[in-house]
Each structure stands twice: as structure tokens, then as C-alpha cells.
Amino acid sequence: MTDKEYKALYNRIKKDLYEEFLDPDTATYGLDIINDDIYESIESPKDDIKSEIKNLKLILQEYLITEEYEKAAIINQRINDLQDKL
């Protein structure tokens, strides 16, 4: 953590504590920040499928370059199956 990030975190904590002291009814006790971070880090199944399609397309290109058409057909079928799931 850089010094700038540390100071920003310190100021945010200080501000939140002050606001919670003044009005405890609206206090979140930092849970709003924690929940936002958790939800941002969770990937949806669609994101996983899109990532796999991207990787399979790279593999497909390699098989086409090396003229391994049987393997390319299998990869292409897998890509089509995944795209149907989206």
C-alpha cells in the first residue's frame, strides 16, 4: 500500500467514524464497503464461459495454422456449444 493510499484509507475511516458517532442510526460500520468489494470480485458463470470461449478461439487458431483440422473441428464444436449457453 502506498503512502497516498494509506492516507486516503485513513481519511475515509476517520470520516466514517465521525459520521457514525454523530448519527448511529445510519451507521453501516463499514459493511457497505466490504459488500461492494465482495460483489465486485465474484465472477458470474457467463464471465467464465466468455473466458473459456476466448481461450478456445486461441487454441482453434493454432490448430488451423498447423493444419490440424480434426482437432480444430472439435474445438469449434465446443465453442459453438458454449455460445449456445450464453
C-alpha atoms as a PDB file:
ATOM      1  CA  MET A   1       0.000   0.000   0.000  1.00  0.00           C
ATOM      2  CA  THR A   2       1.405   3.327  -1.000  1.00  0.00           C
ATOM      3  CA  ASP A   3       1.527   6.305   1.327  1.00  0.00           C
ATOM      4  CA  LYS A   4      -1.156   8.036  -0.731  1.00  0.00           C
ATOM      5  CA  GLU A   5      -3.480   5.012  -0.494  1.00  0.00           C
ATOM      6  CA  TYR A   6      -2.814   4.752   3.231  1.00  0.00           C
ATOM      7  CA  LYS A   7      -3.732   8.398   3.784  1.00  0.00           C
ATOM      8  CA  ALA A   8      -6.904   8.024   1.694  1.00  0.00           C
ATOM      9  CA  LEU A   9      -7.921   4.973   3.727  1.00  0.00           C
ATOM     10  CA  TYR A  10      -7.133   6.774   6.981  1.00  0.00           C
ATOM     11  CA  ASN A  11      -9.226   9.770   5.958  1.00  0.00           C
ATOM     12  CA  ARG A  12     -12.118   7.535   4.879  1.00  0.00           C
ATOM     13  CA  ILE A  13     -12.085   5.667   8.201  1.00  0.00           C
ATOM     14  CA  LYS A  14     -11.863   8.916  10.140  1.00  0.00           C
ATOM     15  CA  LYS A  15     -14.797  10.401   8.219  1.00  0.00           C
ATOM     16  CA  ASP A  16     -16.924   7.253   8.594  1.00  0.00           C
ATOM     17  CA  LEU A  17     -16.275   7.031  12.329  1.00  0.00           C
ATOM     18  CA  TYR A  18     -17.167  10.689  12.788  1.00  0.00           C
ATOM     19  CA  GLU A  19     -20.423  10.316  10.832  1.00  0.00           C
ATOM     20  CA  GLU A  20     -21.345   7.141  12.722  1.00  0.00           C
ATOM     21  CA  PHE A  21     -20.681   8.919  16.025  1.00  0.00           C
ATOM     22  CA  LEU A  22     -22.972  11.800  15.043  1.00  0.00           C
ATOM     23  CA  ASP A  23     -25.793   9.619  13.689  1.00  0.00           C
ATOM     24  CA  PRO A  24     -25.647   5.990  14.851  1.00  0.00           C
ATOM     25  CA  ASP A  25     -28.998   5.188  13.197  1.00  0.00           C
ATOM     26  CA  THR A  26     -27.486   5.459   9.718  1.00  0.00           C
ATOM     27  CA  ALA A  27     -24.199   3.801  10.627  1.00  0.00           C
ATOM     28  CA  THR A  28     -23.100   0.981   8.333  1.00  0.00           C
ATOM     29  CA  TYR A  29     -19.934   0.173  10.283  1.00  0.00           C
ATOM     30  CA  GLY A  30     -18.023  -0.304   7.042  1.00  0.00           C
ATOM     31  CA  LEU A  31     -20.222  -3.135   5.766  1.00  0.00           C
ATOM     32  CA  ASP A  32     -21.177  -1.171   2.654  1.00  0.00           C
ATOM     33  CA  ILE A  33     -17.535  -1.101   1.543  1.00  0.00           C
ATOM     34  CA  ILE A  34     -16.917  -4.748   2.370  1.00  0.00           C
ATOM     35  CA  ASN A  35     -20.032  -5.895   0.498  1.00  0.00           C
ATOM     36  CA  ASP A  36     -19.116  -3.850  -2.583  1.00  0.00           C
ATOM     37  CA  ASP A  37     -15.646  -5.421  -2.677  1.00  0.00           C
ATOM     38  CA  ILE A  38     -17.068  -8.918  -2.335  1.00  0.00           C
ATOM     39  CA  TYR A  39     -19.602  -8.484  -5.123  1.00  0.00           C
ATOM     40  CA  GLU A  40     -17.031  -6.956  -7.464  1.00  0.00           C
ATOM     41  CA  SER A  41     -14.710  -9.930  -7.001  1.00  0.00           C
ATOM     42  CA  ILE A  42     -17.361 -12.555  -7.802  1.00  0.00           C
ATOM     43  CA  GLU A  43     -17.489 -13.591 -11.432  1.00  0.00           C
ATOM     44  CA  SER A  44     -20.709 -14.786 -12.979  1.00  0.00           C
ATOM     45  CA  PRO A  45     -20.957 -18.080 -14.880  1.00  0.00           C
ATOM     46  CA  LYS A  46     -21.331 -16.041 -18.075  1.00  0.00           C
ATOM     47  CA  ASP A  47     -17.934 -14.449 -17.419  1.00  0.00           C
ATOM     48  CA  ASP A  48     -16.410 -17.917 -17.052  1.00  0.00           C
ATOM     49  CA  ILE A  49     -17.994 -19.059 -20.323  1.00  0.00           C
ATOM     50  CA  LYS A  50     -16.784 -15.955 -22.161  1.00  0.00           C
ATOM     51  CA  SER A  51     -13.276 -16.502 -20.841  1.00  0.00           C
ATOM     52  CA  GLU A  52     -13.291 -20.135 -21.933  1.00  0.00           C
ATOM     53  CA  ILE A  53     -14.544 -19.186 -25.404  1.00  0.00           C
ATOM     54  CA  LYS A  54     -11.734 -16.654 -25.714  1.00  0.00           C
ATOM     55  CA  ASN A  55      -9.133 -19.275 -24.774  1.00  0.00           C
ATOM     56  CA  LEU A  56     -10.639 -21.869 -27.100  1.00  0.00           C
ATOM     57  CA  LYS A  57     -10.529 -19.428 -30.006  1.00  0.00           C
ATOM     58  CA  LEU A  58      -6.792 -19.029 -29.467  1.00  0.00           C
ATOM     59  CA  ILE A  59      -6.366 -22.803 -29.495  1.00  0.00           C
ATOM     60  CA  LEU A  60      -8.545 -23.039 -32.613  1.00  0.00           C
ATOM     61  CA  GLN A  61      -6.301 -20.574 -34.415  1.00  0.00           C
ATOM     62  CA  GLU A  62      -3.230 -22.629 -33.536  1.00  0.00           C
ATOM     63  CA  TYR A  63      -4.836 -25.802 -34.888  1.00  0.00           C
ATOM     64  CA  LEU A  64      -5.811 -24.037 -38.112  1.00  0.00           C
ATOM     65  CA  ILE A  65      -2.295 -22.685 -38.569  1.00  0.00           C
ATOM     66  CA  THR A  66      -0.777 -26.133 -38.069  1.00  0.00           C
ATOM     67  CA  GLU A  67      -3.489 -27.652 -40.317  1.00  0.00           C
ATOM     68  CA  GLU A  68      -4.831 -29.974 -37.630  1.00  0.00           C
ATOM     69  CA  TYR A  69      -8.393 -29.757 -38.910  1.00  0.00           C
ATOM     70  CA  GLU A  70      -9.865 -32.655 -36.903  1.00  0.00           C
ATOM     71  CA  LYS A  71      -8.783 -31.062 -33.638  1.00  0.00           C
ATOM     72  CA  ALA A  72      -9.950 -27.670 -34.899  1.00  0.00           C
ATOM     73  CA  ALA A  73     -13.403 -29.126 -35.619  1.00  0.00           C
ATOM     74  CA  ILE A  74     -13.658 -30.484 -32.061  1.00  0.00           C
ATOM     75  CA  ILE A  75     -12.630 -27.116 -30.592  1.00  0.00           C
ATOM     76  CA  ASN A  76     -15.034 -25.298 -32.908  1.00  0.00           C
ATOM     77  CA  GLN A  77     -17.888 -27.553 -31.765  1.00  0.00           C
ATOM     78  CA  ARG A  78     -17.031 -26.811 -28.129  1.00  0.00           C
ATOM     79  CA  ILE A  79     -17.051 -23.060 -28.873  1.00  0.00           C
ATOM     80  CA  ASN A  80     -20.476 -23.372 -30.516  1.00  0.00           C
ATOM     81  CA  ASP A  81     -21.839 -25.322 -27.533  1.00  0.00           C
ATOM     82  CA  LEU A  82     -20.591 -22.657 -25.125  1.00  0.00           C
ATOM     83  CA  GLN A  83     -22.008 -19.842 -27.237  1.00  0.00           C
ATOM     84  CA  ASP A  84     -25.388 -21.576 -27.143  1.00  0.00           C
ATOM     85  CA  LYS A  85     -25.233 -21.441 -23.339  1.00  0.00           C
ATOM     86  CA  LEU A  86     -24.882 -17.656 -23.445  1.00  0.00           C
END
